[in-house]
Amino acid sequence: MAWNEPGNNNDNDPWKNRGKDQGPPDLDELFKDLGKRFNGMFGGGKPSGSGKKSSGSIGIILVLVAAFLIWVISGIYTLKEAERGVVLTFGEYSSLEEPGIQFKWTFIQEVYPVNIQTVRTLPSSGFMLTKDENVVRVEMEVQYKVVNPRNYLFSTPNPENSLRQATDSALRMVVGHSKMDDILTSGREVVRQDTWRELDGIIKSYNLGLIIVDVNFKDARPPEEVKDAFDDAIAAQEDEVRFVNEAKAYESEVEPAARGQVNRMVQEATAYKQGKILAAQGQVSKFEQLLPEYKLAPKVTKDRLYLETMEQVYSNTTKIIVNTTGSGNMMYLPLDKIMQQQKQQTNTNASGTRENVNYNTGSGNTTQPTQSTTNSSSRSDRFNDGRN
């Protein structure tokens, strides 16, 4: 039979027939009941005497001490060298802890360690529209570090997602203001620098607690449908750059040589000019010195100048033709042949003289018959010339 059926007299009522006007339980009775239970656990049965009561009190104290020690030990934690601890007290930011062994109030405080030295990487890529209305796929990688742990944790719900969206926005803005050829070839560094600058401006307003360490422009390529045509265009641009570099190398090789040759020719021309000027000045000075002598003896001066001039002319001539006046004969003097014969005769006499020289090592006297013969013949020639 159910406890609440009629005629049961509420004998099975679990609340022991407590009426609606029953108030809250008495706290004194509640604490007394808890004390009895603890005494029963640590005192060994019902508390019937003072000894059992004291042993139950000691057990409660031991439990409380053990719980306190566990609570204290649970609040000890360690922060690594690269970490900083953000401490929350009842859910509100209270302090920033440094590396080392620290303590927190368990169940009251929470600590969130944040690494501020590790460089983190965030990739970004996608198809983007350029200034000249071309589509290009760009891949970029952002490297960043945490500099403010508090802002990093609480400024935005997800700082990495915010940074990813800011990177995508900055990259699309820069690509949209650049031409496709610049993005694919020579303007990659400009795109990287502009993206970095734009990204710094965006995250500054959000206070993400981050700093951008570097921005790497990894790859930029056109869609696969037009990749072959763009490969040919890039190859042509690379050839252009190579030809320009070769031309500059040739210019740097030839230009110094040409400048040296020009300087040498200028110096030679200057020297020739100075030589001619000095020679002319010397001739003028010479004629100025001859003028007084010419005034004093015109004929003698003319003859001397004539003889000096002819001496200079004949000294450089090997053949002379003399036309004697009135005889009808022409005299030919082969001076080159005569000089050659004289040289041969001189060489022959010199070799004969060396062969006929005898050295007398015993008496210390030397005889030179060839020289004496030559001297005697020369004296006889002089005598004969005198008699004739």
Protein backbone atom coordinates (compact mmCIF):
# COMPACT_ATOMS: atom_id res chain seq x y z
CA MET A 1 0.00 0.00 0.00
CA ALA A 2 1.34 3.45 -0.86
CA TRP A 3 2.23 5.68 2.05
CA ASN A 4 -0.12 8.42 0.93
CA GLU A 5 -3.23 6.27 0.35
CA PRO A 6 -6.29 6.91 2.53
CA GLY A 7 -6.46 4.86 5.68
CA ASN A 8 -2.69 4.42 5.96
CA ASN A 9 -2.39 7.08 8.72
CA ASN A 10 0.81 8.33 7.04
CA ASP A 11 2.91 5.69 8.85
CA ASN A 12 5.20 5.38 5.82
CA ASP A 13 5.63 9.12 5.33
CA PRO A 14 9.42 9.68 4.74
CA TRP A 15 9.15 13.16 6.22
CA LYS A 16 7.55 11.71 9.34
CA ASN A 17 4.34 13.59 8.97
CA ARG A 18 5.95 17.01 8.90
CA GLY A 19 3.31 19.52 8.02
CA LYS A 20 3.33 22.42 5.69
CA ASP A 21 4.02 24.77 8.54
CA GLN A 22 7.27 22.93 9.36
CA GLY A 23 10.17 25.49 9.42
CA PRO A 24 13.81 25.05 8.41
CA PRO A 25 15.95 22.56 10.36
CA ASP A 26 17.64 23.79 13.48
CA LEU A 27 21.39 24.54 12.86
CA ASP A 28 22.35 23.50 16.37
CA GLU A 29 20.85 20.06 15.87
CA LEU A 30 22.55 19.80 12.48
CA PHE A 31 26.01 20.55 13.91
CA LYS A 32 25.38 18.18 16.82
CA ASP A 33 24.46 15.42 14.38
CA LEU A 34 27.68 16.06 12.35
CA GLY A 35 29.71 16.01 15.55
CA LYS A 36 28.23 12.69 16.55
CA ARG A 37 29.02 11.22 13.18
CA PHE A 38 32.69 12.38 13.35
CA ASN A 39 33.00 11.09 16.89
CA GLY A 40 31.65 7.80 15.76
CA MET A 41 34.23 7.66 12.94
CA PHE A 42 37.31 8.60 14.97
CA GLY A 43 36.16 7.67 18.52
CA GLY A 44 35.11 4.10 17.90
CA GLY A 45 31.36 4.07 18.53
CA LYS A 46 29.01 6.33 20.33
CA PRO A 47 30.52 9.03 22.46
CA SER A 48 29.80 7.84 25.94
CA GLY A 49 32.67 9.44 27.86
CA SER A 50 35.17 12.31 27.96
CA GLY A 51 38.02 10.14 26.56
CA LYS A 52 36.07 9.28 23.49
CA LYS A 53 35.09 12.90 23.02
CA SER A 54 38.74 14.06 23.13
CA SER A 55 39.87 11.39 20.65
CA GLY A 56 37.13 12.49 18.26
CA SER A 57 38.24 16.11 18.52
CA ILE A 58 41.84 15.14 17.73
CA GLY A 59 40.69 13.26 14.66
CA ILE A 60 38.80 16.31 13.39
CA ILE A 61 41.86 18.49 13.95
CA LEU A 62 44.10 16.05 12.07
CA VAL A 63 41.70 16.00 9.16
CA LEU A 64 41.59 19.78 9.07
CA VAL A 65 45.38 20.05 9.25
CA ALA A 66 45.82 17.51 6.47
CA ALA A 67 43.30 19.35 4.33
CA PHE A 68 45.05 22.65 5.01
CA LEU A 69 48.43 21.22 4.06
CA ILE A 70 47.03 19.77 0.85
CA TRP A 71 45.45 23.11 0.07
CA VAL A 72 48.72 24.97 0.68
CA ILE A 73 50.80 22.53 -1.38
CA SER A 74 48.33 22.70 -4.25
CA GLY A 75 48.97 26.46 -4.50
CA ILE A 76 52.69 26.11 -5.24
CA TYR A 77 53.60 26.26 -8.94
CA THR A 78 56.63 27.03 -11.12
CA LEU A 79 56.99 29.39 -14.12
CA LYS A 80 59.68 28.70 -16.72
CA GLU A 81 62.22 31.28 -17.82
CA ALA A 82 60.34 32.11 -21.01
CA GLU A 83 56.95 32.31 -19.27
CA ARG A 84 55.02 34.97 -17.43
CA GLY A 85 52.04 34.13 -15.22
CA VAL A 86 48.79 36.08 -15.49
CA VAL A 87 47.06 35.84 -12.08
CA LEU A 88 43.27 36.15 -11.74
CA THR A 89 41.68 36.62 -8.32
CA PHE A 90 38.00 35.68 -8.33
CA GLY A 91 38.13 35.93 -12.13
CA GLU A 92 39.62 39.45 -12.21
CA TYR A 93 43.18 40.31 -13.30
CA SER A 94 45.36 41.02 -10.27
CA SER A 95 49.07 40.66 -11.14
CA LEU A 96 51.72 39.37 -13.52
CA GLU A 97 54.15 36.86 -12.03
CA GLU A 98 57.82 36.48 -13.04
CA PRO A 99 59.63 33.15 -13.67
CA GLY A 100 60.42 30.99 -10.67
CA ILE A 101 58.56 29.26 -7.85
CA GLN A 102 55.32 31.10 -7.03
CA PHE A 103 52.27 30.61 -4.83
CA LYS A 104 48.57 31.07 -5.46
CA TRP A 105 45.49 30.76 -3.31
CA THR A 106 43.80 27.61 -4.56
CA PHE A 107 40.13 27.98 -5.47
CA ILE A 108 40.58 31.75 -5.14
CA GLN A 109 43.24 32.52 -7.75
CA GLU A 110 43.99 31.13 -11.20
CA VAL A 111 47.29 31.42 -13.08
CA TYR A 112 47.66 31.34 -16.89
CA PRO A 113 51.30 30.91 -18.03
CA VAL A 114 52.15 32.67 -21.31
CA ASN A 115 55.37 32.13 -23.28
CA ILE A 116 56.79 35.51 -24.33
CA GLN A 117 60.08 34.38 -25.94
CA THR A 118 58.99 31.81 -28.49
CA VAL A 119 58.62 33.12 -32.04
CA ARG A 120 55.34 31.82 -33.39
CA THR A 121 54.39 31.40 -37.04
CA LEU A 122 51.08 32.15 -38.71
CA PRO A 123 50.62 31.27 -42.41
CA SER A 124 48.30 33.14 -44.73
CA SER A 125 47.43 32.47 -48.37
CA GLY A 126 44.68 32.86 -50.94
CA PHE A 127 43.68 34.07 -54.40
CA MET A 128 43.70 37.85 -54.63
CA LEU A 129 42.87 40.49 -57.22
CA THR A 130 45.68 42.81 -58.31
CA LYS A 131 45.58 46.43 -59.44
CA ASP A 132 45.61 45.47 -63.13
CA GLU A 133 42.64 43.10 -62.54
CA ASN A 134 44.57 39.85 -62.56
CA VAL A 135 44.17 36.98 -60.13
CA VAL A 136 47.23 35.74 -58.28
CA ARG A 137 47.73 33.24 -55.48
CA VAL A 138 49.91 34.65 -52.70
CA GLU A 139 51.42 32.77 -49.75
CA MET A 140 52.83 34.70 -46.81
CA GLU A 141 54.08 33.74 -43.37
CA VAL A 142 53.96 36.02 -40.33
CA GLN A 143 56.29 35.54 -37.37
CA TYR A 144 55.29 37.15 -34.07
CA LYS A 145 55.94 37.15 -30.32
CA VAL A 146 53.82 37.93 -27.26
CA VAL A 147 54.91 41.12 -25.49
CA ASN A 148 51.90 41.77 -23.25
CA PRO A 149 50.43 38.58 -21.74
CA ARG A 150 47.41 40.37 -20.26
CA ASN A 151 46.32 41.89 -23.60
CA TYR A 152 47.13 38.64 -25.37
CA LEU A 153 44.71 36.69 -23.13
CA PHE A 154 41.90 39.16 -22.59
CA SER A 155 41.83 41.77 -25.38
CA THR A 156 40.21 39.36 -27.83
CA PRO A 157 38.73 35.88 -27.39
CA ASN A 158 41.14 34.40 -29.96
CA PRO A 159 44.25 36.49 -30.70
CA GLU A 160 45.59 34.06 -33.33
CA ASN A 161 42.35 34.27 -35.29
CA SER A 162 42.37 38.08 -35.01
CA LEU A 163 45.96 38.19 -36.27
CA ARG A 164 45.09 35.84 -39.15
CA GLN A 165 42.22 38.07 -40.25
CA ALA A 166 44.37 41.20 -39.90
CA THR A 167 47.12 39.58 -42.01
CA ASP A 168 44.66 38.59 -44.70
CA SER A 169 43.20 42.09 -44.75
CA ALA A 170 46.60 43.80 -44.96
CA LEU A 171 47.83 41.42 -47.67
CA ARG A 172 44.73 41.88 -49.81
CA MET A 173 44.99 45.65 -49.50
CA VAL A 174 48.65 45.69 -50.61
CA VAL A 175 48.11 43.19 -53.44
CA GLY A 176 45.09 45.15 -54.62
CA HIS A 177 47.28 48.25 -55.02
CA SER A 178 50.10 46.41 -56.85
CA LYS A 179 50.50 45.13 -60.38
CA MET A 180 50.82 41.44 -61.06
CA ASP A 181 54.26 41.70 -62.72
CA ASP A 182 55.62 43.48 -59.67
CA ILE A 183 54.21 40.84 -57.34
CA LEU A 184 55.67 37.98 -59.35
CA THR A 185 59.10 39.48 -60.08
CA SER A 186 60.81 42.63 -58.92
CA GLY A 187 58.23 44.04 -56.49
CA ARG A 188 58.14 41.19 -53.99
CA GLU A 189 60.21 43.04 -51.40
CA VAL A 190 58.02 46.12 -51.73
CA VAL A 191 54.89 44.01 -51.17
CA ARG A 192 56.47 42.40 -48.12
CA GLN A 193 57.44 45.72 -46.54
CA ASP A 194 54.06 47.32 -47.27
CA THR A 195 52.21 44.32 -45.81
CA TRP A 196 54.32 44.43 -42.67
CA ARG A 197 53.67 48.16 -42.22
CA GLU A 198 49.93 47.78 -42.81
CA LEU A 199 49.66 44.81 -40.44
CA ASP A 200 51.43 46.71 -37.65
CA GLY A 201 48.90 49.52 -38.00
CA ILE A 202 45.95 47.12 -37.81
CA ILE A 203 46.99 45.13 -34.73
CA LYS A 204 48.04 48.29 -32.90
CA SER A 205 44.42 49.43 -32.63
CA TYR A 206 43.28 46.03 -31.29
CA ASN A 207 45.90 45.84 -28.49
CA LEU A 208 46.54 42.17 -29.12
CA GLY A 209 49.71 42.17 -27.02
CA LEU A 210 51.72 40.95 -30.05
CA ILE A 211 54.69 42.25 -31.99
CA ILE A 212 55.47 41.30 -35.59
CA VAL A 213 59.02 39.91 -35.84
CA ASP A 214 59.13 39.25 -39.57
CA VAL A 215 56.94 38.82 -42.64
CA ASN A 216 58.08 36.26 -45.22
CA PHE A 217 56.77 36.45 -48.78
CA LYS A 218 56.93 32.75 -49.61
CA ASP A 219 55.34 32.37 -53.03
CA ALA A 220 53.26 34.20 -55.60
CA ARG A 221 52.02 32.50 -58.72
CA PRO A 222 49.23 32.90 -61.24
CA PRO A 223 46.35 30.43 -61.58
CA GLU A 224 47.17 27.09 -63.15
CA GLU A 225 45.13 27.89 -66.27
CA VAL A 226 47.54 30.67 -67.34
CA LYS A 227 50.69 29.41 -65.65
CA ASP A 228 52.52 28.54 -68.90
CA ALA A 229 52.05 32.00 -70.37
CA PHE A 230 53.27 33.64 -67.19
CA ASP A 231 56.27 31.29 -67.05
CA ASP A 232 57.26 32.48 -70.53
CA ALA A 233 56.84 36.10 -69.47
CA ILE A 234 58.95 35.57 -66.37
CA ALA A 235 61.64 33.82 -68.44
CA ALA A 236 61.72 36.79 -70.82
CA GLN A 237 62.07 39.20 -67.91
CA GLU A 238 64.88 37.13 -66.46
CA ASP A 239 66.64 37.17 -69.85
CA GLU A 240 66.24 40.92 -69.92
CA VAL A 241 67.83 41.25 -66.51
CA ARG A 242 70.65 38.91 -67.53
CA PHE A 243 71.36 40.87 -70.71
CA VAL A 244 71.37 44.13 -68.78
CA ASN A 245 73.83 42.68 -66.28
CA GLU A 246 76.08 41.39 -69.05
CA ALA A 247 76.01 44.79 -70.74
CA LYS A 248 76.91 46.50 -67.48
CA ALA A 249 79.76 44.03 -66.93
CA TYR A 250 81.07 44.70 -70.44
CA GLU A 251 80.75 48.43 -69.83
CA SER A 252 82.67 48.21 -66.59
CA GLU A 253 85.38 46.21 -68.37
CA VAL A 254 85.77 48.37 -71.48
CA GLU A 255 85.18 51.82 -70.07
CA PRO A 256 88.30 51.92 -67.84
CA ALA A 257 90.49 50.77 -70.73
CA ALA A 258 89.00 53.42 -73.02
CA ARG A 259 89.46 56.10 -70.38
CA GLY A 260 93.07 55.03 -69.90
CA GLN A 261 93.69 55.18 -73.64
CA VAL A 262 92.10 58.63 -73.80
CA ASN A 263 94.28 59.85 -70.96
CA ARG A 264 97.38 58.43 -72.62
CA MET A 265 96.56 60.11 -75.94
CA VAL A 266 95.90 63.40 -74.15
CA GLN A 267 99.23 63.16 -72.37
CA GLU A 268 101.05 62.31 -75.61
CA ALA A 269 99.39 65.21 -77.40
CA THR A 270 100.30 67.54 -74.55
CA ALA A 271 103.91 66.32 -74.61
CA TYR A 272 104.06 66.73 -78.40
CA LYS A 273 102.65 70.24 -78.07
CA GLN A 274 105.18 71.17 -75.41
CA GLY A 275 108.01 69.68 -77.50
CA LYS A 276 107.04 71.66 -80.57
CA ILE A 277 106.68 74.84 -78.54
CA LEU A 278 110.09 74.35 -76.94
CA ALA A 279 111.72 73.50 -80.29
CA ALA A 280 110.22 76.60 -81.88
CA GLN A 281 111.35 78.70 -78.97
CA GLY A 282 114.85 77.22 -79.30
CA GLN A 283 115.00 78.01 -83.02
CA VAL A 284 113.81 81.52 -82.37
CA SER A 285 116.45 81.96 -79.69
CA LYS A 286 119.10 80.54 -82.03
CA PHE A 287 118.21 82.91 -84.83
CA GLU A 288 118.12 85.81 -82.42
CA GLN A 289 121.64 84.91 -81.35
CA LEU A 290 122.80 84.64 -85.00
CA LEU A 291 121.30 87.98 -86.00
CA PRO A 292 124.11 90.13 -84.53
CA GLU A 293 126.74 87.87 -86.14
CA TYR A 294 124.96 88.00 -89.47
CA LYS A 295 124.91 91.77 -89.34
CA LEU A 296 128.63 91.83 -88.66
CA ALA A 297 129.65 89.21 -91.31
CA PRO A 298 126.79 88.22 -93.60
CA LYS A 299 128.80 86.03 -96.01
CA VAL A 300 130.64 84.10 -93.35
CA THR A 301 127.42 83.47 -91.47
CA LYS A 302 125.64 82.26 -94.61
CA ASP A 303 128.46 79.88 -95.48
CA ARG A 304 128.52 78.48 -91.96
CA LEU A 305 124.78 77.94 -91.92
CA TYR A 306 124.98 76.28 -95.35
CA LEU A 307 127.74 73.93 -94.26
CA GLU A 308 125.94 73.00 -91.05
CA THR A 309 122.76 72.29 -92.95
CA MET A 310 124.52 70.16 -95.57
CA GLU A 311 126.29 68.27 -92.81
CA GLN A 312 122.95 67.37 -91.27
CA VAL A 313 121.55 66.33 -94.66
CA TYR A 314 124.55 64.22 -95.73
CA SER A 315 124.83 62.55 -92.35
CA ASN A 316 121.52 60.79 -93.04
CA THR A 317 122.30 59.96 -96.72
CA THR A 318 124.12 56.82 -97.97
CA LYS A 319 124.39 57.74 -101.67
CA ILE A 320 125.67 60.99 -103.24
CA ILE A 321 125.62 62.03 -106.91
CA VAL A 322 127.91 64.94 -107.86
CA ASN A 323 127.44 66.81 -111.13
CA THR A 324 130.72 68.50 -112.08
CA THR A 325 130.19 71.74 -113.92
CA GLY A 326 131.65 72.01 -117.44
CA SER A 327 133.04 68.47 -117.68
CA GLY A 328 129.84 66.69 -118.59
CA ASN A 329 130.64 63.89 -116.14
CA MET A 330 128.53 62.75 -113.24
CA MET A 331 130.21 61.31 -110.16
CA TYR A 332 128.49 58.65 -108.06
CA LEU A 333 129.69 58.06 -104.53
CA PRO A 334 128.20 54.91 -102.94
CA LEU A 335 128.88 55.90 -99.36
CA ASP A 336 127.01 52.93 -97.98
CA LYS A 337 129.30 50.50 -99.85
CA ILE A 338 132.38 52.43 -98.83
CA MET A 339 131.36 52.46 -95.18
CA GLN A 340 130.55 48.75 -95.31
CA GLN A 341 134.00 47.97 -96.78
CA GLN A 342 135.66 50.08 -94.12
CA LYS A 343 133.83 48.18 -91.39
CA GLN A 344 134.84 44.83 -92.88
CA GLN A 345 138.47 45.95 -93.17
CA THR A 346 138.45 47.22 -89.60
CA ASN A 347 137.04 43.93 -88.35
CA THR A 348 139.67 41.98 -90.34
CA ASN A 349 142.55 44.05 -88.97
CA ALA A 350 141.24 43.68 -85.45
CA SER A 351 140.99 39.88 -85.74
CA GLY A 352 144.50 39.66 -87.31
CA THR A 353 145.93 41.79 -84.53
CA ARG A 354 144.47 39.49 -81.88
CA GLU A 355 145.91 36.40 -83.60
CA ASN A 356 149.48 37.85 -83.98
CA VAL A 357 149.84 39.08 -80.41
CA ASN A 358 152.25 36.86 -78.42
CA TYR A 359 152.67 36.97 -74.70
CA ASN A 360 156.15 35.97 -73.36
CA THR A 361 155.49 34.70 -69.91
CA GLY A 362 159.19 33.92 -69.26
CA SER A 363 160.78 37.34 -69.81
CA GLY A 364 157.72 39.45 -69.29
CA ASN A 365 158.21 41.18 -72.68
CA THR A 366 155.58 41.27 -75.40
CA THR A 367 156.12 41.65 -79.14
CA GLN A 368 153.64 43.28 -81.48
CA PRO A 369 154.95 42.86 -85.01
CA THR A 370 151.71 43.82 -86.65
CA GLN A 371 151.54 47.12 -84.90
CA SER A 372 155.20 47.99 -85.70
CA THR A 373 154.69 47.12 -89.36
CA THR A 374 151.61 49.25 -89.49
CA ASN A 375 153.38 52.16 -87.82
CA SER A 376 156.42 51.90 -90.13
CA SER A 377 154.23 51.75 -93.23
CA SER A 378 152.32 54.81 -92.07
CA ARG A 379 155.63 56.71 -91.52
CA SER A 380 156.94 55.69 -94.96
CA ASP A 381 153.73 56.90 -96.52
CA ARG A 382 154.17 60.24 -94.87
CA PHE A 383 157.76 60.47 -96.10
CA ASN A 384 156.81 59.49 -99.62
CA ASP A 385 154.06 62.05 -99.60
CA GLY A 386 156.58 64.68 -98.52
CA ARG A 387 159.03 63.77 -101.31
CA ASN A 388 156.34 63.77 -103.89
